[in-house]
């Protein structure tokens, strides 16, 4: 994997989990974070890109970045 050093406040490893578990783990983590903090989610579910786009739109959390490195989908969310 290349650079995971994007400065984040918390990380959720949801690799190997299928929908809706990556979203649920992210939601739980975000609930414990302060407004403006960043969360990195690592997922292998190929549908997670669209899932996190919809999640951000529905919840008002910011979707800062999405990228794929190998088979890992990386999502960076900003707590609303």
PDB file of N, CA and C in Angstrom:
ATOM      1  N   UNK A   1       0.852  -1.169   0.000  1.00  0.00           N
ATOM      2  CA  UNK A   1       0.000   0.000   0.000  1.00  0.00           C
ATOM      3  C   UNK A   1       0.896   1.229   0.000  1.00  0.00           C
ATOM      4  N   UNK A   2       0.513   2.257  -0.689  1.00  0.00           N
ATOM      5  CA  UNK A   2       1.353   3.444  -0.743  1.00  0.00           C
ATOM      6  C   UNK A   2       1.178   4.276   0.517  1.00  0.00           C
ATOM      7  N   UNK A   3       0.817   5.519   0.389  1.00  0.00           N
ATOM      8  CA  UNK A   3       0.830   6.448   1.508  1.00  0.00           C
ATOM      9  C   UNK A   3      -0.517   6.493   2.220  1.00  0.00           C
ATOM     10  N   UNK A   4      -0.529   6.025   3.459  1.00  0.00           N
ATOM     11  CA  UNK A   4      -1.725   6.135   4.292  1.00  0.00           C
ATOM     12  C   UNK A   4      -1.539   7.241   5.317  1.00  0.00           C
ATOM     13  N   UNK A   5      -0.581   8.132   5.099  1.00  0.00           N
ATOM     14  CA  UNK A   5      -0.233   9.108   6.122  1.00  0.00           C
ATOM     15  C   UNK A   5      -1.095  10.372   6.084  1.00  0.00           C
ATOM     16  N   UNK A   6      -2.159  10.371   5.300  1.00  0.00           N
ATOM     17  CA  UNK A   6      -3.096  11.494   5.339  1.00  0.00           C
ATOM     18  C   UNK A   6      -3.452  11.695   6.801  1.00  0.00           C
ATOM     19  N   UNK A   7      -3.283  12.909   7.337  1.00  0.00           N
ATOM     20  CA  UNK A   7      -3.487  13.097   8.782  1.00  0.00           C
ATOM     21  C   UNK A   7      -4.954  12.922   9.185  1.00  0.00           C
ATOM     22  N   UNK A   8      -5.228  11.873   9.929  1.00  0.00           N
ATOM     23  CA  UNK A   8      -6.586  11.596  10.391  1.00  0.00           C
ATOM     24  C   UNK A   8      -6.565  11.440  11.915  1.00  0.00           C
ATOM     25  N   UNK A   9      -7.736  11.558  12.510  1.00  0.00           N
ATOM     26  CA  UNK A   9      -7.867  11.441  13.956  1.00  0.00           C
ATOM     27  C   UNK A   9      -8.172  10.019  14.405  1.00  0.00           C
ATOM     28  N   UNK A  10      -8.774   9.239  13.514  1.00  0.00           N
ATOM     29  CA  UNK A  10      -9.154   7.868  13.863  1.00  0.00           C
ATOM     30  C   UNK A  10      -9.221   7.042  12.587  1.00  0.00           C
ATOM     31  N   UNK A  11      -9.056   5.718  12.737  1.00  0.00           N
ATOM     32  CA  UNK A  11      -9.130   4.820  11.591  1.00  0.00           C
ATOM     33  C   UNK A  11      -9.999   3.621  11.945  1.00  0.00           C
ATOM     34  N   UNK A  12     -10.793   3.205  10.963  1.00  0.00           N
ATOM     35  CA  UNK A  12     -11.612   1.997  11.094  1.00  0.00           C
ATOM     36  C   UNK A  12     -11.143   1.018  10.031  1.00  0.00           C
ATOM     37  N   UNK A  13     -10.789  -0.182  10.460  1.00  0.00           N
ATOM     38  CA  UNK A  13     -10.388  -1.231   9.524  1.00  0.00           C
ATOM     39  C   UNK A  13     -11.597  -2.130   9.289  1.00  0.00           C
ATOM     40  N   UNK A  14     -12.238  -1.952   8.136  1.00  0.00           N
ATOM     41  CA  UNK A  14     -13.418  -2.744   7.788  1.00  0.00           C
ATOM     42  C   UNK A  14     -13.096  -3.703   6.644  1.00  0.00           C
ATOM     43  N   UNK A  15     -11.814  -4.013   6.465  1.00  0.00           N
ATOM     44  CA  UNK A  15     -11.430  -4.945   5.403  1.00  0.00           C
ATOM     45  C   UNK A  15     -12.020  -6.315   5.685  1.00  0.00           C
ATOM     46  N   UNK A  16     -12.557  -6.931   4.639  1.00  0.00           N
ATOM     47  CA  UNK A  16     -13.158  -8.250   4.763  1.00  0.00           C
ATOM     48  C   UNK A  16     -14.630  -8.224   5.156  1.00  0.00           C
ATOM     49  N   UNK A  17     -15.158  -7.034   5.439  1.00  0.00           N
ATOM     50  CA  UNK A  17     -16.565  -6.918   5.834  1.00  0.00           C
ATOM     51  C   UNK A  17     -17.414  -6.438   4.659  1.00  0.00           C
ATOM     52  N   UNK A  18     -18.632  -6.944   4.583  1.00  0.00           N
ATOM     53  CA  UNK A  18     -19.554  -6.544   3.526  1.00  0.00           C
ATOM     54  C   UNK A  18     -20.569  -5.548   4.060  1.00  0.00           C
ATOM     55  N   UNK A  19     -21.198  -4.842   3.141  1.00  0.00           N
ATOM     56  CA  UNK A  19     -22.239  -3.878   3.459  1.00  0.00           C
ATOM     57  C   UNK A  19     -23.316  -4.583   4.283  1.00  0.00           C
ATOM     58  N   UNK A  20     -23.803  -3.975   5.325  1.00  0.00           N
ATOM     59  CA  UNK A  20     -23.630  -2.593   5.772  1.00  0.00           C
ATOM     60  C   UNK A  20     -22.565  -2.403   6.843  1.00  0.00           C
ATOM     61  N   UNK A  21     -21.757  -3.426   7.135  1.00  0.00           N
ATOM     62  CA  UNK A  21     -20.839  -3.342   8.268  1.00  0.00           C
ATOM     63  C   UNK A  21     -19.805  -2.215   8.181  1.00  0.00           C
ATOM     64  N   UNK A  22     -19.181  -1.940   7.019  1.00  0.00           N
ATOM     65  CA  UNK A  22     -18.251  -0.798   6.991  1.00  0.00           C
ATOM     66  C   UNK A  22     -18.930   0.521   7.356  1.00  0.00           C
ATOM     67  N   UNK A  23     -20.147   0.731   6.879  1.00  0.00           N
ATOM     68  CA  UNK A  23     -20.894   1.950   7.202  1.00  0.00           C
ATOM     69  C   UNK A  23     -21.230   1.991   8.696  1.00  0.00           C
ATOM     70  N   UNK A  24     -21.678   0.884   9.242  1.00  0.00           N
ATOM     71  CA  UNK A  24     -22.032   0.840  10.663  1.00  0.00           C
ATOM     72  C   UNK A  24     -20.826   1.102  11.552  1.00  0.00           C
ATOM     73  N   UNK A  25     -19.668   0.539  11.198  1.00  0.00           N
ATOM     74  CA  UNK A  25     -18.451   0.776  11.974  1.00  0.00           C
ATOM     75  C   UNK A  25     -18.036   2.241  11.870  1.00  0.00           C
ATOM     76  N   UNK A  26     -18.166   2.823  10.681  1.00  0.00           N
ATOM     77  CA  UNK A  26     -17.826   4.235  10.497  1.00  0.00           C
ATOM     78  C   UNK A  26     -18.777   5.118  11.301  1.00  0.00           C
ATOM     79  N   UNK A  27     -20.061   4.799  11.265  1.00  0.00           N
ATOM     80  CA  UNK A  27     -21.054   5.590  11.999  1.00  0.00           C
ATOM     81  C   UNK A  27     -20.753   5.573  13.494  1.00  0.00           C
ATOM     82  N   UNK A  28     -20.427   4.414  14.026  1.00  0.00           N
ATOM     83  CA  UNK A  28     -20.110   4.288  15.445  1.00  0.00           C
ATOM     84  C   UNK A  28     -18.875   5.123  15.789  1.00  0.00           C
ATOM     85  N   UNK A  29     -17.857   5.054  14.941  1.00  0.00           N
ATOM     86  CA  UNK A  29     -16.632   5.829  15.187  1.00  0.00           C
ATOM     87  C   UNK A  29     -16.919   7.323  15.123  1.00  0.00           C
ATOM     88  N   UNK A  30     -17.669   7.756  14.113  1.00  0.00           N
ATOM     89  CA  UNK A  30     -17.985   9.174  13.961  1.00  0.00           C
ATOM     90  C   UNK A  30     -18.777   9.711  15.142  1.00  0.00           C
ATOM     91  N   UNK A  31     -19.656   8.895  15.703  1.00  0.00           N
ATOM     92  CA  UNK A  31     -20.466   9.322  16.850  1.00  0.00           C
ATOM     93  C   UNK A  31     -19.595   9.679  18.056  1.00  0.00           C
ATOM     94  N   UNK A  32     -18.414   9.082  18.139  1.00  0.00           N
ATOM     95  CA  UNK A  32     -17.521   9.361  19.253  1.00  0.00           C
ATOM     96  C   UNK A  32     -16.479  10.422  18.961  1.00  0.00           C
ATOM     97  N   UNK A  33     -16.579  11.063  17.824  1.00  0.00           N
ATOM     98  CA  UNK A  33     -15.587  12.054  17.416  1.00  0.00           C
ATOM     99  C   UNK A  33     -16.141  13.467  17.517  1.00  0.00           C
ATOM    100  N   UNK A  34     -15.246  14.435  17.588  1.00  0.00           N
ATOM    101  CA  UNK A  34     -15.639  15.843  17.646  1.00  0.00           C
ATOM    102  C   UNK A  34     -15.856  16.376  16.230  1.00  0.00           C
ATOM    103  N   UNK A  35     -16.651  17.413  16.126  1.00  0.00           N
ATOM    104  CA  UNK A  35     -16.912  18.052  14.845  1.00  0.00           C
ATOM    105  C   UNK A  35     -15.598  18.488  14.191  1.00  0.00           C
ATOM    106  N   UNK A  36     -15.448  18.168  12.915  1.00  0.00           N
ATOM    107  CA  UNK A  36     -14.260  18.555  12.157  1.00  0.00           C
ATOM    108  C   UNK A  36     -13.157  17.518  12.144  1.00  0.00           C
ATOM    109  N   UNK A  37     -13.239  16.517  13.018  1.00  0.00           N
ATOM    110  CA  UNK A  37     -12.207  15.479  13.021  1.00  0.00           C
ATOM    111  C   UNK A  37     -12.349  14.581  11.801  1.00  0.00           C
ATOM    112  N   UNK A  38     -11.233  13.955  11.426  1.00  0.00           N
ATOM    113  CA  UNK A  38     -11.199  13.110  10.236  1.00  0.00           C
ATOM    114  C   UNK A  38     -11.138  11.634  10.603  1.00  0.00           C
ATOM    115  N   UNK A  39     -11.893  10.825   9.852  1.00  0.00           N
ATOM    116  CA  UNK A  39     -11.935   9.375  10.008  1.00  0.00           C
ATOM    117  C   UNK A  39     -11.496   8.732   8.707  1.00  0.00           C
ATOM    118  N   UNK A  40     -10.566   7.779   8.800  1.00  0.00           N
ATOM    119  CA  UNK A  40     -10.171   6.979   7.634  1.00  0.00           C
ATOM    120  C   UNK A  40     -10.812   5.606   7.774  1.00  0.00           C
ATOM    121  N   UNK A  41     -11.480   5.151   6.725  1.00  0.00           N
ATOM    122  CA  UNK A  41     -12.077   3.821   6.707  1.00  0.00           C
ATOM    123  C   UNK A  41     -11.394   3.008   5.612  1.00  0.00           C
ATOM    124  N   UNK A  42     -10.904   1.829   5.975  1.00  0.00           N
ATOM    125  CA  UNK A  42     -10.313   0.896   5.026  1.00  0.00           C
ATOM    126  C   UNK A  42     -11.324  -0.211   4.784  1.00  0.00           C
ATOM    127  N   UNK A  43     -11.669  -0.430   3.520  1.00  0.00           N
ATOM    128  CA  UNK A  43     -12.682  -1.439   3.192  1.00  0.00           C
ATOM    129  C   UNK A  43     -12.269  -2.205   1.942  1.00  0.00           C
ATOM    130  N   UNK A  44     -12.710  -3.448   1.854  1.00  0.00           N
ATOM    131  CA  UNK A  44     -12.469  -4.240   0.648  1.00  0.00           C
ATOM    132  C   UNK A  44     -13.756  -4.491  -0.126  1.00  0.00           C
ATOM    133  N   UNK A  45     -14.877  -4.075   0.415  1.00  0.00           N
ATOM    134  CA  UNK A  45     -16.166  -4.210  -0.264  1.00  0.00           C
ATOM    135  C   UNK A  45     -16.161  -3.283  -1.491  1.00  0.00           C
ATOM    136  N   UNK A  46     -16.315  -3.859  -2.678  1.00  0.00           N
ATOM    137  CA  UNK A  46     -16.245  -3.066  -3.911  1.00  0.00           C
ATOM    138  C   UNK A  46     -17.369  -2.041  -4.011  1.00  0.00           C
ATOM    139  N   UNK A  47     -18.428  -2.230  -3.252  1.00  0.00           N
ATOM    140  CA  UNK A  47     -19.548  -1.290  -3.279  1.00  0.00           C
ATOM    141  C   UNK A  47     -19.392  -0.160  -2.262  1.00  0.00           C
ATOM    142  N   UNK A  48     -18.310  -0.190  -1.485  1.00  0.00           N
ATOM    143  CA  UNK A  48     -18.156   0.791  -0.412  1.00  0.00           C
ATOM    144  C   UNK A  48     -18.017   2.220  -0.935  1.00  0.00           C
ATOM    145  N   UNK A  49     -17.491   2.407  -2.134  1.00  0.00           N
ATOM    146  CA  UNK A  49     -17.353   3.763  -2.670  1.00  0.00           C
ATOM    147  C   UNK A  49     -18.724   4.424  -2.793  1.00  0.00           C
ATOM    148  N   UNK A  50     -19.635   3.747  -3.435  1.00  0.00           N
ATOM    149  CA  UNK A  50     -20.997   4.286  -3.583  1.00  0.00           C
ATOM    150  C   UNK A  50     -21.698   4.357  -2.231  1.00  0.00           C
ATOM    151  N   UNK A  51     -21.467   3.372  -1.377  1.00  0.00           N
ATOM    152  CA  UNK A  51     -22.103   3.359  -0.046  1.00  0.00           C
ATOM    153  C   UNK A  51     -21.680   4.572   0.774  1.00  0.00           C
ATOM    154  N   UNK A  52     -20.392   4.903   0.772  1.00  0.00           N
ATOM    155  CA  UNK A  52     -19.930   6.041   1.560  1.00  0.00           C
ATOM    156  C   UNK A  52     -20.343   7.371   0.948  1.00  0.00           C
ATOM    157  N   UNK A  53     -20.493   7.425  -0.370  1.00  0.00           N
ATOM    158  CA  UNK A  53     -21.016   8.646  -1.002  1.00  0.00           C
ATOM    159  C   UNK A  53     -22.448   8.895  -0.535  1.00  0.00           C
ATOM    160  N   UNK A  54     -23.260   7.846  -0.536  1.00  0.00           N
ATOM    161  CA  UNK A  54     -24.655   7.978  -0.087  1.00  0.00           C
ATOM    162  C   UNK A  54     -24.716   8.288   1.411  1.00  0.00           C
ATOM    163  N   UNK A  55     -23.879   7.639   2.195  1.00  0.00           N
ATOM    164  CA  UNK A  55     -23.843   7.870   3.645  1.00  0.00           C
ATOM    165  C   UNK A  55     -23.511   9.325   3.945  1.00  0.00           C
ATOM    166  N   UNK A  56     -22.508   9.873   3.280  1.00  0.00           N
ATOM    167  CA  UNK A  56     -22.110  11.264   3.509  1.00  0.00           C
ATOM    168  C   UNK A  56     -23.234  12.219   3.124  1.00  0.00           C
ATOM    169  N   UNK A  57     -23.871  11.943   2.008  1.00  0.00           N
ATOM    170  CA  UNK A  57     -24.972  12.809   1.552  1.00  0.00           C
ATOM    171  C   UNK A  57     -26.139  12.777   2.542  1.00  0.00           C
ATOM    172  N   UNK A  58     -26.465  11.595   3.052  1.00  0.00           N
ATOM    173  CA  UNK A  58     -27.598  11.444   3.955  1.00  0.00           C
ATOM    174  C   UNK A  58     -27.328  12.009   5.346  1.00  0.00           C
ATOM    175  N   UNK A  59     -26.075  11.941   5.806  1.00  0.00           N
ATOM    176  CA  UNK A  59     -25.767  12.314   7.186  1.00  0.00           C
ATOM    177  C   UNK A  59     -25.176  13.711   7.325  1.00  0.00           C
ATOM    178  N   UNK A  60     -24.674  14.269   6.235  1.00  0.00           N
ATOM    179  CA  UNK A  60     -24.060  15.592   6.304  1.00  0.00           C
ATOM    180  C   UNK A  60     -22.588  15.577   6.678  1.00  0.00           C
ATOM    181  N   UNK A  61     -22.007  14.390   6.864  1.00  0.00           N
ATOM    182  CA  UNK A  61     -20.568  14.297   7.088  1.00  0.00           C
ATOM    183  C   UNK A  61     -19.868  14.589   5.765  1.00  0.00           C
ATOM    184  N   UNK A  62     -18.695  15.190   5.840  1.00  0.00           N
ATOM    185  CA  UNK A  62     -17.953  15.502   4.627  1.00  0.00           C
ATOM    186  C   UNK A  62     -17.195  14.291   4.120  1.00  0.00           C
ATOM    187  N   UNK A  63     -17.235  14.078   2.818  1.00  0.00           N
ATOM    188  CA  UNK A  63     -16.448  13.026   2.187  1.00  0.00           C
ATOM    189  C   UNK A  63     -15.233  13.718   1.576  1.00  0.00           C
ATOM    190  N   UNK A  64     -14.111  13.657   2.282  1.00  0.00           N
ATOM    191  CA  UNK A  64     -12.913  14.406   1.922  1.00  0.00           C
ATOM    192  C   UNK A  64     -12.174  13.748   0.763  1.00  0.00           C
ATOM    193  N   UNK A  65     -12.086  12.430   0.794  1.00  0.00           N
ATOM    194  CA  UNK A  65     -11.315  11.714  -0.228  1.00  0.00           C
ATOM    195  C   UNK A  65     -11.786  10.274  -0.309  1.00  0.00           C
ATOM    196  N   UNK A  66     -11.707   9.729  -1.533  1.00  0.00           N
ATOM    197  CA  UNK A  66     -11.910   8.299  -1.758  1.00  0.00           C
ATOM    198  C   UNK A  66     -10.869   7.866  -2.768  1.00  0.00           C
ATOM    199  N   UNK A  67     -10.229   6.741  -2.495  1.00  0.00           N
ATOM    200  CA  UNK A  67      -9.271   6.203  -3.457  1.00  0.00           C
ATOM    201  C   UNK A  67      -9.166   4.697  -3.261  1.00  0.00           C
ATOM    202  N   UNK A  68      -8.598   4.037  -4.247  1.00  0.00           N
ATOM    203  CA  UNK A  68      -8.397   2.593  -4.191  1.00  0.00           C
ATOM    204  C   UNK A  68      -6.906   2.320  -4.313  1.00  0.00           C
ATOM    205  N   UNK A  69      -6.400   1.523  -3.400  1.00  0.00           N
ATOM    206  CA  UNK A  69      -5.011   1.081  -3.444  1.00  0.00           C
ATOM    207  C   UNK A  69      -5.020  -0.434  -3.397  1.00  0.00           C
ATOM    208  N   UNK A  70      -4.727  -1.052  -4.538  1.00  0.00           N
ATOM    209  CA  UNK A  70      -4.824  -2.503  -4.629  1.00  0.00           C
ATOM    210  C   UNK A  70      -6.276  -2.904  -4.506  1.00  0.00           C
ATOM    211  N   UNK A  71      -6.588  -3.728  -3.514  1.00  0.00           N
ATOM    212  CA  UNK A  71      -7.983  -4.134  -3.299  1.00  0.00           C
ATOM    213  C   UNK A  71      -8.613  -3.397  -2.118  1.00  0.00           C
ATOM    214  N   UNK A  72      -7.932  -2.374  -1.604  1.00  0.00           N
ATOM    215  CA  UNK A  72      -8.443  -1.633  -0.449  1.00  0.00           C
ATOM    216  C   UNK A  72      -9.014  -0.289  -0.893  1.00  0.00           C
ATOM    217  N   UNK A  73     -10.252  -0.058  -0.510  1.00  0.00           N
ATOM    218  CA  UNK A  73     -10.933   1.213  -0.776  1.00  0.00           C
ATOM    219  C   UNK A  73     -10.756   2.072   0.462  1.00  0.00           C
ATOM    220  N   UNK A  74     -10.211   3.267   0.275  1.00  0.00           N
ATOM    221  CA  UNK A  74      -9.912   4.165   1.393  1.00  0.00           C
ATOM    222  C   UNK A  74     -10.866   5.352   1.324  1.00  0.00           C
ATOM    223  N   UNK A  75     -11.544   5.584   2.423  1.00  0.00           N
ATOM    224  CA  UNK A  75     -12.525   6.669   2.510  1.00  0.00           C
ATOM    225  C   UNK A  75     -12.132   7.578   3.669  1.00  0.00           C
ATOM    226  N   UNK A  76     -12.041   8.875   3.410  1.00  0.00           N
ATOM    227  CA  UNK A  76     -11.740   9.851   4.453  1.00  0.00           C
ATOM    228  C   UNK A  76     -12.987  10.713   4.658  1.00  0.00           C
ATOM    229  N   UNK A  77     -13.522  10.676   5.878  1.00  0.00           N
ATOM    230  CA  UNK A  77     -14.730  11.419   6.220  1.00  0.00           C
ATOM    231  C   UNK A  77     -14.419  12.471   7.277  1.00  0.00           C
ATOM    232  N   UNK A  78     -15.058  13.634   7.158  1.00  0.00           N
ATOM    233  CA  UNK A  78     -14.949  14.697   8.155  1.00  0.00           C
ATOM    234  C   UNK A  78     -16.248  14.741   8.954  1.00  0.00           C
ATOM    235  N   UNK A  79     -16.110  14.618  10.288  1.00  0.00           N
ATOM    236  CA  UNK A  79     -17.276  14.632  11.172  1.00  0.00           C
ATOM    237  C   UNK A  79     -17.983  15.987  11.071  1.00  0.00           C
ATOM    238  N   UNK A  80     -19.283  15.955  10.878  1.00  0.00           N
ATOM    239  CA  UNK A  80     -20.056  17.209  10.764  1.00  0.00           C
ATOM    240  C   UNK A  80     -20.136  17.941  12.077  1.00  0.00           C
TER     241      UNK A  80
END
